[in-house]
Amino acid sequence: FDVIHEGLPPGTPLVPFLQRQLHMSERTLRRRFEDAFGYGPKTLDRILRFHRFRRMLRQQGEASTALLAIEAGYADQAHLIRESRRLTGVTPSALACANAGALLARQPIRGPARRLPDG
């Protein structure tokens, strides 16, 4: 389902959207979600919003976290921080630093080639 991969536009509630698209009642939708994912559609909505923020952070790198939070659909930066801690256990800035460190670790080391001593 494309919504899972692409996410909804910010501000679009997932549950009513899926109810319309799938022609299901809220109760049936919740039951199917819990069977398939182990949690309800609201939790998936939170996860998708957080993924949207992370995608924007990767694309826009140096942009303000507060601005990205609002663009991703959070009420404010504090809302993003609370949600990040709930979902990942760390703040968005710690996550960004960890991502940057992981990216740097993958980069080849630049500089003169060193010859290992014979021995």
Protein backbone atom coordinates (compact mmCIF):
# COMPACT_ATOMS: atom_id res chain seq x y z
CA PHE A 1 0.00 0.00 0.00
CA ASP A 2 1.60 3.26 -1.16
CA VAL A 3 0.53 5.18 1.95
CA ILE A 4 2.81 3.04 4.08
CA HIS A 5 5.84 3.80 1.92
CA GLU A 6 5.17 7.41 0.97
CA GLY A 7 3.19 8.56 3.98
CA LEU A 8 0.25 10.90 3.97
CA PRO A 9 0.59 14.62 3.51
CA PRO A 10 1.00 16.38 6.86
CA GLY A 11 -2.30 17.02 8.56
CA THR A 12 -4.16 14.19 6.83
CA PRO A 13 -5.58 11.85 9.48
CA LEU A 14 -4.70 8.25 8.66
CA VAL A 15 -7.72 6.48 10.13
CA PRO A 16 -10.45 8.38 8.21
CA PHE A 17 -8.34 8.20 5.05
CA LEU A 18 -7.96 4.42 5.32
CA GLN A 19 -11.60 3.97 6.24
CA ARG A 20 -12.60 5.71 3.01
CA GLN A 21 -10.03 3.93 0.86
CA LEU A 22 -10.69 0.45 2.26
CA HIS A 23 -14.42 0.85 2.94
CA MET A 24 -14.06 -0.39 6.52
CA SER A 25 -15.43 0.70 9.84
CA GLU A 26 -12.99 2.06 12.38
CA ARG A 27 -13.41 -1.04 14.52
CA THR A 28 -12.69 -3.42 11.63
CA LEU A 29 -9.71 -1.34 10.58
CA ARG A 30 -8.29 -1.39 14.11
CA ARG A 31 -8.82 -5.15 14.40
CA ARG A 32 -7.09 -5.80 11.06
CA PHE A 33 -4.19 -3.56 12.00
CA GLU A 34 -3.70 -5.27 15.33
CA ASP A 35 -3.75 -8.66 13.61
CA ALA A 36 -1.30 -7.59 10.91
CA PHE A 37 1.06 -5.22 12.74
CA GLY A 38 0.49 -5.79 16.43
CA TYR A 39 -0.72 -2.22 16.96
CA GLY A 40 -3.49 0.05 15.77
CA PRO A 41 -3.64 2.55 12.91
CA LYS A 42 -3.00 5.53 15.19
CA THR A 43 0.35 4.05 16.18
CA LEU A 44 1.17 3.51 12.53
CA ASP A 45 0.22 7.13 11.88
CA ARG A 46 2.72 8.23 14.55
CA ILE A 47 5.42 6.03 13.03
CA LEU A 48 4.76 7.33 9.52
CA ARG A 49 4.91 10.94 10.71
CA PHE A 50 8.23 10.24 12.41
CA HIS A 51 9.55 8.58 9.24
CA ARG A 52 8.45 11.65 7.29
CA PHE A 53 10.46 13.83 9.68
CA ARG A 54 13.54 11.59 9.34
CA ARG A 55 13.27 11.61 5.55
CA MET A 56 13.04 15.41 5.56
CA LEU A 57 16.00 15.61 7.95
CA ARG A 58 18.12 13.48 5.62
CA GLN A 59 17.11 15.54 2.59
CA GLN A 60 17.40 18.99 4.15
CA GLY A 61 20.26 18.24 6.54
CA GLU A 62 21.02 21.59 8.12
CA ALA A 63 17.42 22.84 8.31
CA SER A 64 15.95 23.88 11.64
CA THR A 65 14.56 20.95 13.60
CA ALA A 66 11.64 23.13 14.71
CA LEU A 67 10.76 23.96 11.11
CA LEU A 68 11.08 20.34 9.98
CA ALA A 69 8.90 19.25 12.90
CA ILE A 70 6.09 21.52 11.76
CA GLU A 71 6.50 20.53 8.11
CA ALA A 72 6.35 16.85 9.11
CA GLY A 73 3.05 17.37 10.90
CA TYR A 74 4.01 17.91 14.53
CA ALA A 75 2.43 20.71 16.54
CA ASP A 76 5.85 22.02 17.53
CA GLN A 77 9.41 20.93 18.26
CA ALA A 78 8.53 19.76 21.77
CA HIS A 79 5.90 17.44 20.30
CA LEU A 80 8.54 15.98 17.96
CA ILE A 81 11.00 15.49 20.83
CA ARG A 82 8.40 13.67 22.96
CA GLU A 83 7.41 11.47 20.04
CA SER A 84 11.03 10.74 19.15
CA ARG A 85 11.76 9.63 22.70
CA ARG A 86 8.67 7.42 22.74
CA LEU A 87 9.46 5.77 19.42
CA THR A 88 13.26 5.58 19.51
CA GLY A 89 14.35 6.33 23.05
CA VAL A 90 16.47 9.31 21.95
CA THR A 91 15.95 12.91 20.91
CA PRO A 92 15.92 13.94 17.25
CA SER A 93 19.28 15.70 17.63
CA ALA A 94 20.87 12.55 19.08
CA LEU A 95 19.38 10.59 16.22
CA ALA A 96 20.72 13.09 13.68
CA CYS A 97 24.19 12.87 15.24
CA ALA A 98 24.06 9.09 15.15
CA ASN A 99 23.00 9.19 11.51
CA ALA A 100 25.78 11.64 10.67
CA GLY A 101 28.31 9.42 12.42
CA ALA A 102 27.07 6.39 10.51
CA LEU A 103 27.36 8.29 7.24
CA LEU A 104 30.87 9.43 8.07
CA ALA A 105 31.88 5.88 8.96
CA ARG A 106 30.84 4.77 5.47
CA GLN A 107 32.91 7.44 3.72
CA PRO A 108 36.31 6.39 2.41
CA ILE A 109 39.20 8.00 4.21
CA ARG A 110 40.82 10.68 2.09
CA GLY A 111 44.48 11.45 2.20
CA PRO A 112 47.79 10.02 1.14
CA ALA A 113 48.02 6.28 0.99
CA ARG A 114 50.22 4.90 3.71
CA ARG A 115 52.49 2.03 3.19
CA LEU A 116 52.55 -0.57 5.91
CA PRO A 117 55.99 -1.26 7.35
CA ASP A 118 57.65 -4.45 6.21
CA GLY A 119 57.81 -6.96 8.87
